[in-house]
């Protein structure tokens, strides 16, 4: 962790320059967006054109495909109905890969690519393994002193059986549509598990064999209703022009005193909690926004977080806590599994859906179990936003470790909530991780 922090402190500014630097000196712009809408959903292309009008995106930057109106799509349908037309469009309109930098999916596009089904032979092997797992599990429960196999050996066998079942059932072959499309320019790549994102600041300077080199940024203008998508667009532009007022709220689980104890070995959860504390301290030192930190296990309770401009916290899985009133243009996310499994299911209380309903302009989350290490690094994400030079899509690109995985970014890809303010010269050292 110390090495990672050192890398970010030393190279944050230079890497951002490498990431977006070009002759005109600006970040991601409207001409570099490829908007993808779904003709099977009446409002999809309409919302795309509304955004294009507001952000002056060229009309030729819109690709309308016809695909499922559901939030999930099979692998073969994804390849045929989404990936293929996008790949063809890019080959025809940007063969050298120099124009389009970001794909933006519009309301009506599926959220999740399901794992491909196993073959007939794999299904047969899978049934045998599942039967064996059931048998061994019963043995483990009843294992005693007369058992020929020791309980430890049984546990090892159970672990191996579960691993084989997971591989055959391809549970780790699914991904968000967004994260999969980031690699649409790649000819081939492995579908099992995740692949490292070459833009991620934590990988700067590292040689990683399976790192794809042709990745694009991907964002999504989506939400529970078309009206909410329009509101996201309008609020983002408004906050850029008028500024983003309010407070930054961070919901940690441990106090900094506990996390900074000498010779203390921190768990993965505690390391992420420390990252949340680091982010809060960084924003406080920037003097951009007042900061409120809750470092107890409980979450902010109802009504405790008025005027929220920024938010990062955890952990209330699939159960939004109505603690916030959101400033116009607010950005935030909740660290928990499957918080973007749906944006439209009636009655669902996953955080991404309800945060959008309640008023945030940008959020992110996973479509299924993502594992903690796949969540964006909060210091990078919020530090990048605070600097005001890079767009929402670029900040996510720098903070997101993996593609072909589960995370989704929802919001205007060009949004820069602190564009008018920038980062005070005296506080530039606080961009990125802080000690």
Protein backbone atom coordinates (compact mmCIF):
# COMPACT_ATOMS: atom_id res chain seq x y z
CA UNK A 1 0.00 0.00 0.00
CA UNK A 2 2.84 2.42 0.79
CA UNK A 3 4.42 1.73 -2.58
CA UNK A 4 1.09 2.34 -4.30
CA UNK A 5 0.63 5.60 -2.40
CA UNK A 6 4.14 6.71 -3.39
CA UNK A 7 3.46 6.01 -7.06
CA UNK A 8 0.30 8.09 -7.02
CA UNK A 9 1.88 10.98 -5.15
CA UNK A 10 4.83 11.21 -7.54
CA UNK A 11 3.17 10.47 -10.86
CA UNK A 12 -0.47 11.59 -10.58
CA UNK A 13 -0.09 14.82 -12.54
CA UNK A 14 2.27 13.39 -15.16
CA UNK A 15 0.08 10.34 -15.77
CA UNK A 16 -2.98 12.54 -16.24
CA UNK A 17 -1.04 14.50 -18.82
CA UNK A 18 -0.07 11.29 -20.63
CA UNK A 19 -3.67 10.14 -20.45
CA UNK A 20 -5.27 13.19 -22.04
CA UNK A 21 -2.52 15.47 -23.30
CA UNK A 22 -2.88 16.60 -26.91
CA UNK A 23 -2.01 19.63 -28.96
CA UNK A 24 -5.17 21.59 -28.10
CA UNK A 25 -4.54 21.13 -24.37
CA UNK A 26 -8.07 19.97 -23.52
CA UNK A 27 -9.51 16.78 -22.08
CA UNK A 28 -12.07 14.41 -23.60
CA UNK A 29 -14.34 16.39 -25.90
CA UNK A 30 -17.69 15.94 -27.60
CA UNK A 31 -16.23 14.92 -30.95
CA UNK A 32 -14.54 11.93 -29.31
CA UNK A 33 -17.76 10.39 -27.98
CA UNK A 34 -19.53 7.50 -29.67
CA UNK A 35 -23.14 7.32 -28.48
CA UNK A 36 -24.90 3.96 -28.74
CA UNK A 37 -28.71 3.82 -28.54
CA UNK A 38 -31.22 0.98 -28.81
CA UNK A 39 -33.96 1.17 -31.47
CA UNK A 40 -36.03 -1.33 -29.47
CA UNK A 41 -36.59 1.34 -26.80
CA UNK A 42 -38.47 4.37 -28.12
CA UNK A 43 -36.82 6.92 -25.82
CA UNK A 44 -33.24 5.75 -26.38
CA UNK A 45 -32.34 7.59 -29.59
CA UNK A 46 -34.43 10.58 -28.49
CA UNK A 47 -32.36 10.92 -25.32
CA UNK A 48 -29.17 10.49 -27.32
CA UNK A 49 -30.15 13.39 -29.57
CA UNK A 50 -31.08 15.50 -26.56
CA UNK A 51 -27.60 14.96 -25.13
CA UNK A 52 -25.97 15.61 -28.50
CA UNK A 53 -27.79 18.92 -28.74
CA UNK A 54 -26.81 19.96 -25.22
CA UNK A 55 -23.15 18.94 -25.58
CA UNK A 56 -22.76 19.70 -29.30
CA UNK A 57 -21.87 16.11 -30.18
CA UNK A 58 -21.69 15.67 -33.99
CA UNK A 59 -24.74 13.91 -35.42
CA UNK A 60 -22.55 11.30 -37.12
CA UNK A 61 -21.35 10.16 -33.66
CA UNK A 62 -24.60 8.31 -32.99
CA UNK A 63 -24.90 4.57 -33.62
CA UNK A 64 -28.36 3.05 -33.24
CA UNK A 65 -28.38 -0.72 -32.76
CA UNK A 66 -31.29 -3.09 -32.20
CA UNK A 67 -30.90 -5.28 -29.18
CA UNK A 68 -32.73 -6.53 -26.12
CA UNK A 69 -34.76 -4.04 -24.11
CA UNK A 70 -34.09 -6.11 -21.00
CA UNK A 71 -31.31 -5.35 -18.53
CA UNK A 72 -29.57 -8.67 -19.17
CA UNK A 73 -28.37 -10.11 -22.46
CA UNK A 74 -26.84 -13.45 -23.46
CA UNK A 75 -23.25 -13.61 -24.65
CA UNK A 76 -24.08 -14.59 -28.24
CA UNK A 77 -26.70 -11.82 -28.53
CA UNK A 78 -24.26 -9.31 -27.06
CA UNK A 79 -21.63 -10.28 -29.63
CA UNK A 80 -24.07 -10.13 -32.55
CA UNK A 81 -26.30 -7.19 -31.60
CA UNK A 82 -23.94 -4.87 -29.70
CA UNK A 83 -20.25 -5.67 -30.04
CA UNK A 84 -20.31 -6.44 -33.76
CA UNK A 85 -22.07 -3.23 -34.91
CA UNK A 86 -19.92 -1.11 -32.59
CA UNK A 87 -16.76 -2.77 -33.87
CA UNK A 88 -17.89 -2.31 -37.47
CA UNK A 89 -18.73 1.36 -36.88
CA UNK A 90 -15.32 2.02 -35.35
CA UNK A 91 -13.55 0.22 -38.20
CA UNK A 92 -15.39 2.32 -40.78
CA UNK A 93 -15.31 5.71 -39.05
CA UNK A 94 -12.11 5.52 -37.03
CA UNK A 95 -9.86 2.83 -38.54
CA UNK A 96 -6.70 4.20 -36.92
CA UNK A 97 -8.25 4.49 -33.48
CA UNK A 98 -7.40 8.17 -33.08
CA UNK A 99 -10.84 9.79 -32.98
CA UNK A 100 -13.21 7.99 -30.61
CA UNK A 101 -12.02 7.80 -27.01
CA UNK A 102 -15.24 7.03 -25.15
CA UNK A 103 -18.37 4.97 -25.79
CA UNK A 104 -21.52 6.24 -24.09
CA UNK A 105 -24.46 3.86 -23.78
CA UNK A 106 -27.89 5.47 -23.73
CA UNK A 107 -31.02 4.56 -21.77
CA UNK A 108 -32.44 1.27 -23.09
CA UNK A 109 -29.15 -0.56 -23.57
CA UNK A 110 -28.71 -3.78 -21.53
CA UNK A 111 -26.67 -3.60 -18.33
CA UNK A 112 -25.21 -7.08 -18.00
CA UNK A 113 -23.74 -9.74 -20.29
CA UNK A 114 -24.58 -13.18 -18.92
CA UNK A 115 -21.97 -15.96 -18.86
CA UNK A 116 -22.15 -18.27 -21.89
CA UNK A 117 -23.84 -21.59 -21.09
CA UNK A 118 -21.66 -24.72 -20.71
CA UNK A 119 -21.51 -27.23 -23.56
CA UNK A 120 -23.37 -30.55 -23.34
CA UNK A 121 -20.17 -32.32 -22.29
CA UNK A 122 -19.41 -29.61 -19.71
CA UNK A 123 -22.95 -29.86 -18.36
CA UNK A 124 -22.49 -33.60 -17.86
CA UNK A 125 -19.18 -33.05 -16.04
CA UNK A 126 -20.76 -30.28 -14.00
CA UNK A 127 -23.54 -32.57 -12.74
CA UNK A 128 -20.97 -35.15 -11.68
CA UNK A 129 -18.92 -32.57 -9.83
CA UNK A 130 -22.01 -31.18 -8.09
CA UNK A 131 -23.00 -34.68 -6.97
CA UNK A 132 -19.48 -35.26 -5.70
CA UNK A 133 -19.54 -31.94 -3.86
CA UNK A 134 -22.79 -32.88 -2.17
CA UNK A 135 -21.37 -36.25 -1.12
CA UNK A 136 -18.13 -34.77 0.19
CA UNK A 137 -20.01 -32.04 2.03
CA UNK A 138 -22.01 -34.68 3.89
CA UNK A 139 -18.78 -36.50 4.71
CA UNK A 140 -17.23 -33.31 6.06
CA UNK A 141 -20.24 -32.78 8.33
CA UNK A 142 -20.04 -36.29 9.77
CA UNK A 143 -16.24 -36.68 9.77
CA UNK A 144 -14.98 -38.16 13.05
CA UNK A 145 -12.06 -40.00 14.59
CA UNK A 146 -12.76 -43.21 12.63
CA UNK A 147 -12.94 -41.40 9.31
CA UNK A 148 -10.21 -42.60 6.96
CA UNK A 149 -9.90 -39.14 5.46
CA UNK A 150 -9.05 -36.33 7.83
CA UNK A 151 -11.42 -33.30 7.96
CA UNK A 152 -8.62 -31.04 6.70
CA UNK A 153 -8.19 -33.21 3.62
CA UNK A 154 -11.93 -33.14 3.04
CA UNK A 155 -11.95 -29.36 3.24
CA UNK A 156 -9.19 -29.17 0.66
CA UNK A 157 -11.16 -31.48 -1.62
CA UNK A 158 -14.28 -29.37 -1.17
CA UNK A 159 -12.34 -26.25 -2.09
CA UNK A 160 -10.99 -27.92 -5.23
CA UNK A 161 -14.44 -29.19 -6.22
CA UNK A 162 -15.97 -25.73 -5.82
CA UNK A 163 -13.20 -24.26 -7.94
CA UNK A 164 -13.82 -26.77 -10.74
CA UNK A 165 -17.58 -26.19 -10.57
CA UNK A 166 -17.04 -22.43 -10.82
CA UNK A 167 -14.79 -22.90 -13.86
CA UNK A 168 -17.22 -25.21 -15.66
CA UNK A 169 -20.29 -23.12 -14.87
CA UNK A 170 -18.40 -20.03 -16.11
CA UNK A 171 -19.74 -17.84 -13.32
CA UNK A 172 -16.80 -15.45 -13.79
CA UNK A 173 -17.41 -15.07 -17.53
CA UNK A 174 -20.17 -12.52 -17.12
CA UNK A 175 -19.61 -8.76 -17.06
CA UNK A 176 -21.34 -5.44 -17.40
CA UNK A 177 -22.02 -4.51 -21.01
CA UNK A 178 -20.07 -1.32 -20.40
CA UNK A 179 -16.94 -3.01 -19.10
CA UNK A 180 -17.02 -5.55 -21.93
CA UNK A 181 -17.39 -2.85 -24.59
CA UNK A 182 -14.26 -1.14 -23.31
CA UNK A 183 -12.34 -3.91 -25.09
CA UNK A 184 -14.39 -3.94 -28.29
CA UNK A 185 -11.32 -3.00 -30.36
CA UNK A 186 -9.42 -6.06 -29.14
CA UNK A 187 -9.56 -9.01 -31.58
CA UNK A 188 -9.53 -11.64 -28.85
CA UNK A 189 -9.18 -11.71 -25.07
CA UNK A 190 -9.98 -14.08 -22.23
CA UNK A 191 -13.55 -13.95 -20.94
CA UNK A 192 -12.97 -15.59 -17.59
CA UNK A 193 -12.41 -13.06 -14.81
CA UNK A 194 -11.17 -9.53 -15.24
CA UNK A 195 -8.44 -7.90 -17.32
CA UNK A 196 -6.22 -5.03 -16.13
CA UNK A 197 -7.10 -1.54 -17.31
CA UNK A 198 -4.07 0.14 -18.88
CA UNK A 199 -5.35 3.57 -17.79
CA UNK A 200 -5.51 2.63 -14.09
CA UNK A 201 -3.02 4.72 -12.16
CA UNK A 202 -2.12 1.83 -9.86
CA UNK A 203 -0.68 -0.07 -12.83
CA UNK A 204 1.50 2.82 -14.00
CA UNK A 205 5.00 1.62 -14.83
CA UNK A 206 4.14 -2.06 -14.37
CA UNK A 207 4.55 -4.71 -17.06
CA UNK A 208 1.44 -6.88 -17.04
CA UNK A 209 1.29 -9.64 -19.65
CA UNK A 210 -2.48 -9.86 -20.12
CA UNK A 211 -3.15 -6.11 -20.19
CA UNK A 212 -5.19 -5.13 -23.30
CA UNK A 213 -3.77 -2.14 -25.16
CA UNK A 214 -6.78 -1.06 -27.23
CA UNK A 215 -9.25 -0.22 -24.49
CA UNK A 216 -11.76 2.63 -24.69
CA UNK A 217 -13.47 4.57 -21.93
CA UNK A 218 -17.13 3.68 -21.41
CA UNK A 219 -19.90 5.51 -19.57
CA UNK A 220 -23.69 5.33 -19.55
CA UNK A 221 -26.50 7.90 -19.60
CA UNK A 222 -29.14 5.78 -17.96
CA UNK A 223 -31.55 5.59 -15.05
CA UNK A 224 -34.95 4.42 -13.88
CA UNK A 225 -36.83 6.75 -16.28
CA UNK A 226 -36.13 8.92 -19.33
CA UNK A 227 -36.92 12.00 -17.21
CA UNK A 228 -34.10 11.11 -14.83
CA UNK A 229 -31.65 10.80 -17.74
CA UNK A 230 -32.61 14.27 -18.94
CA UNK A 231 -32.18 15.56 -15.40
CA UNK A 232 -28.68 14.02 -15.21
CA UNK A 233 -27.70 15.84 -18.40
CA UNK A 234 -29.19 19.16 -17.31
CA UNK A 235 -27.79 18.97 -13.77
CA UNK A 236 -24.28 18.19 -15.01
CA UNK A 237 -24.25 21.22 -17.31
CA UNK A 238 -25.79 23.41 -14.60
CA UNK A 239 -23.17 22.40 -12.00
CA UNK A 240 -20.36 23.06 -14.48
CA UNK A 241 -21.66 26.55 -15.09
CA UNK A 242 -22.75 27.46 -11.56
CA UNK A 243 -20.44 25.33 -9.43
CA UNK A 244 -21.14 22.36 -7.17
CA UNK A 245 -22.04 23.51 -3.66
CA UNK A 246 -22.67 21.33 -0.62
CA UNK A 247 -20.67 18.95 1.54
CA UNK A 248 -18.57 15.85 0.99
CA UNK A 249 -19.76 12.88 3.06
CA UNK A 250 -17.65 9.82 3.78
CA UNK A 251 -19.01 6.80 5.61
CA UNK A 252 -16.09 4.76 6.96
CA UNK A 253 -16.29 1.76 9.30
CA UNK A 254 -13.17 2.20 11.43
CA UNK A 255 -11.49 5.22 12.99
CA UNK A 256 -8.19 6.41 11.61
CA UNK A 257 -6.61 5.69 14.99
CA UNK A 258 -7.39 2.01 14.58
CA UNK A 259 -6.27 1.92 10.94
CA UNK A 260 -2.97 3.68 11.61
CA UNK A 261 -1.85 1.58 14.56
CA UNK A 262 1.83 0.67 14.48
CA UNK A 263 2.71 -2.75 13.07
CA UNK A 264 -0.95 -3.39 12.38
CA UNK A 265 -1.69 -5.69 9.45
CA UNK A 266 -4.81 -4.40 7.75
CA UNK A 267 -7.39 -6.53 5.99
CA UNK A 268 -8.54 -5.67 2.46
CA UNK A 269 -11.65 -4.04 3.96
CA UNK A 270 -9.56 -1.93 6.32
CA UNK A 271 -7.26 -0.86 3.50
CA UNK A 272 -10.25 0.38 1.52
CA UNK A 273 -11.58 2.07 4.63
CA UNK A 274 -8.25 3.85 4.98
CA UNK A 275 -8.58 4.94 1.36
CA UNK A 276 -11.94 6.52 2.22
CA UNK A 277 -10.30 8.39 5.12
CA UNK A 278 -7.47 9.50 2.81
CA UNK A 279 -10.01 10.86 0.34
CA UNK A 280 -11.84 12.79 3.04
CA UNK A 281 -8.59 14.35 4.25
CA UNK A 282 -7.56 15.23 0.68
CA UNK A 283 -10.83 17.08 0.04
CA UNK A 284 -10.65 18.83 3.39
CA UNK A 285 -7.14 20.11 2.60
CA UNK A 286 -8.24 21.26 -0.85
CA UNK A 287 -10.78 23.60 0.84
CA UNK A 288 -13.23 22.91 -1.97
CA UNK A 289 -16.01 21.54 0.23
CA UNK A 290 -16.76 21.02 3.92
CA UNK A 291 -16.15 17.37 4.82
CA UNK A 292 -18.15 15.12 7.15
CA UNK A 293 -16.75 11.71 8.13
CA UNK A 294 -18.66 9.00 10.00
CA UNK A 295 -16.10 6.46 11.23
CA UNK A 296 -18.48 4.19 13.13
CA UNK A 297 -19.86 0.87 11.88
CA UNK A 298 -23.33 2.35 11.48
CA UNK A 299 -24.21 4.33 8.36
CA UNK A 300 -25.40 7.90 8.17
CA UNK A 301 -28.96 7.76 9.47
CA UNK A 302 -32.04 9.31 7.92
CA UNK A 303 -31.63 13.07 7.49
CA UNK A 304 -27.99 13.18 8.68
CA UNK A 305 -26.45 14.14 5.34
CA UNK A 306 -28.14 17.25 3.90
CA UNK A 307 -26.73 19.02 0.87
CA UNK A 308 -24.49 16.14 -0.26
CA UNK A 309 -22.25 17.08 -3.19
CA UNK A 310 -19.86 14.11 -2.95
CA UNK A 311 -20.29 10.75 -1.24
CA UNK A 312 -18.42 7.50 -0.75
CA UNK A 313 -19.25 4.94 1.90
CA UNK A 314 -20.39 1.47 2.89
CA UNK A 315 -21.97 -1.06 3.77
CA UNK A 316 -25.68 -1.61 3.33
CA UNK A 317 -26.12 -4.12 0.55
CA UNK A 318 -29.06 -3.49 -1.79
CA UNK A 319 -30.72 -1.29 0.82
CA UNK A 320 -30.38 2.43 0.23
CA UNK A 321 -30.38 4.51 3.39
CA UNK A 322 -32.30 7.75 2.95
CA UNK A 323 -29.79 9.92 4.81
CA UNK A 324 -29.10 12.40 2.00
CA UNK A 325 -30.47 15.35 0.21
CA UNK A 326 -28.40 15.69 -2.96
CA UNK A 327 -26.97 18.90 -4.33
CA UNK A 328 -27.65 19.55 -7.99
CA UNK A 329 -24.81 17.79 -9.82
CA UNK A 330 -23.86 15.48 -6.92
CA UNK A 331 -21.42 12.60 -7.50
CA UNK A 332 -21.12 9.57 -5.25
CA UNK A 333 -21.11 5.82 -4.91
CA UNK A 334 -21.73 3.12 -2.33
CA UNK A 335 -19.29 0.24 -1.94
CA UNK A 336 -21.32 -2.97 -1.93
CA UNK A 337 -22.04 -5.92 -4.21
CA UNK A 338 -24.62 -5.80 -7.02
CA UNK A 339 -25.64 -2.18 -6.44
CA UNK A 340 -26.16 -1.74 -10.20
CA UNK A 341 -27.84 -5.10 -10.85
CA UNK A 342 -30.89 -3.10 -11.98
CA UNK A 343 -31.78 0.50 -12.70
CA UNK A 344 -35.42 -0.14 -13.46
CA UNK A 345 -36.88 -3.01 -11.40
CA UNK A 346 -39.89 -1.68 -9.43
CA UNK A 347 -39.33 -1.77 -5.70
CA UNK A 348 -35.58 -2.37 -5.92
CA UNK A 349 -33.57 -0.44 -3.31
CA UNK A 350 -30.09 -0.94 -4.76
CA UNK A 351 -27.99 2.16 -4.28
CA UNK A 352 -27.36 3.16 -7.89
CA UNK A 353 -31.05 3.10 -8.78
CA UNK A 354 -32.29 4.96 -5.71
CA UNK A 355 -29.44 7.49 -5.71
CA UNK A 356 -30.45 8.42 -9.27
CA UNK A 357 -34.10 8.62 -8.24
CA UNK A 358 -33.17 10.86 -5.32
CA UNK A 359 -31.08 13.27 -7.40
CA UNK A 360 -27.42 12.36 -7.98
CA UNK A 361 -25.95 13.27 -11.36
CA UNK A 362 -23.28 10.57 -11.44
CA UNK A 363 -22.70 7.28 -9.68
CA UNK A 364 -21.15 3.87 -10.24
CA UNK A 365 -21.60 0.30 -9.10
CA UNK A 366 -21.33 -3.39 -10.03
CA UNK A 367 -23.91 -5.54 -11.81
CA UNK A 368 -23.08 -8.56 -9.62
CA UNK A 369 -20.44 -9.62 -7.07
CA UNK A 370 -17.33 -7.66 -8.14
CA UNK A 371 -14.89 -8.36 -5.26
CA UNK A 372 -13.61 -5.38 -3.32
CA UNK A 373 -10.38 -4.93 -5.30
CA UNK A 374 -12.36 -4.11 -8.44
CA UNK A 375 -13.95 -0.96 -6.99
CA UNK A 376 -12.44 2.33 -8.19
CA UNK A 377 -9.84 3.85 -5.92
CA UNK A 378 -11.63 6.76 -4.20
CA UNK A 379 -8.51 8.93 -3.80
CA UNK A 380 -7.91 8.84 -7.55
CA UNK A 381 -11.54 9.20 -8.60
CA UNK A 382 -12.45 12.12 -6.35
CA UNK A 383 -8.98 13.70 -6.51
CA UNK A 384 -9.21 13.74 -10.28
CA UNK A 385 -12.70 15.28 -10.20
CA UNK A 386 -11.53 17.95 -7.76
CA UNK A 387 -8.71 19.06 -10.01
CA UNK A 388 -11.31 20.07 -12.57
CA UNK A 389 -9.28 19.33 -15.69
CA UNK A 390 -10.46 15.85 -16.59
CA UNK A 391 -13.96 14.61 -17.30
CA UNK A 392 -16.02 12.12 -15.33
CA UNK A 393 -15.24 9.33 -17.82
CA UNK A 394 -11.50 9.99 -17.62
CA UNK A 395 -11.49 10.12 -13.83
CA UNK A 396 -13.24 6.75 -13.76
CA UNK A 397 -10.71 5.44 -16.29
CA UNK A 398 -7.82 6.41 -14.04
CA UNK A 399 -9.44 4.95 -10.92
CA UNK A 400 -10.97 1.72 -12.30
CA UNK A 401 -8.60 -1.28 -12.08
CA UNK A 402 -10.28 -3.71 -14.49
CA UNK A 403 -12.22 -4.12 -17.73
CA UNK A 404 -14.31 -7.09 -18.85
CA UNK A 405 -15.72 -7.14 -15.35
CA UNK A 406 -18.67 -5.81 -13.34
CA UNK A 407 -18.48 -2.03 -12.79
CA UNK A 408 -20.71 0.54 -14.49
CA UNK A 409 -20.26 4.33 -14.61
CA UNK A 410 -23.51 6.30 -14.89
CA UNK A 411 -23.34 9.97 -15.77
CA UNK A 412 -22.45 12.53 -18.41
CA UNK A 413 -18.99 11.43 -19.64
CA UNK A 414 -17.99 15.07 -20.22
CA UNK A 415 -19.04 16.23 -16.75
CA UNK A 416 -16.46 18.28 -14.81
CA UNK A 417 -18.16 19.37 -11.56
CA UNK A 418 -15.20 21.56 -10.51
CA UNK A 419 -14.38 22.93 -13.96
CA UNK A 420 -14.91 26.54 -12.87
CA UNK A 421 -12.86 26.24 -9.72
CA UNK A 422 -9.90 24.10 -10.71
CA UNK A 423 -7.43 23.19 -7.99
CA UNK A 424 -5.81 26.03 -6.01
CA UNK A 425 -2.10 26.23 -6.77
CA UNK A 426 -1.27 25.91 -3.08
CA UNK A 427 -3.17 22.62 -2.89
CA UNK A 428 -1.93 20.81 -5.97
CA UNK A 429 0.10 18.43 -3.81
CA UNK A 430 -3.11 17.00 -2.43
CA UNK A 431 -4.25 15.57 -5.74
CA UNK A 432 -4.15 11.81 -5.40
CA UNK A 433 -3.37 9.82 -2.29
CA UNK A 434 -2.23 11.68 0.80
CA UNK A 435 -0.12 10.51 3.68
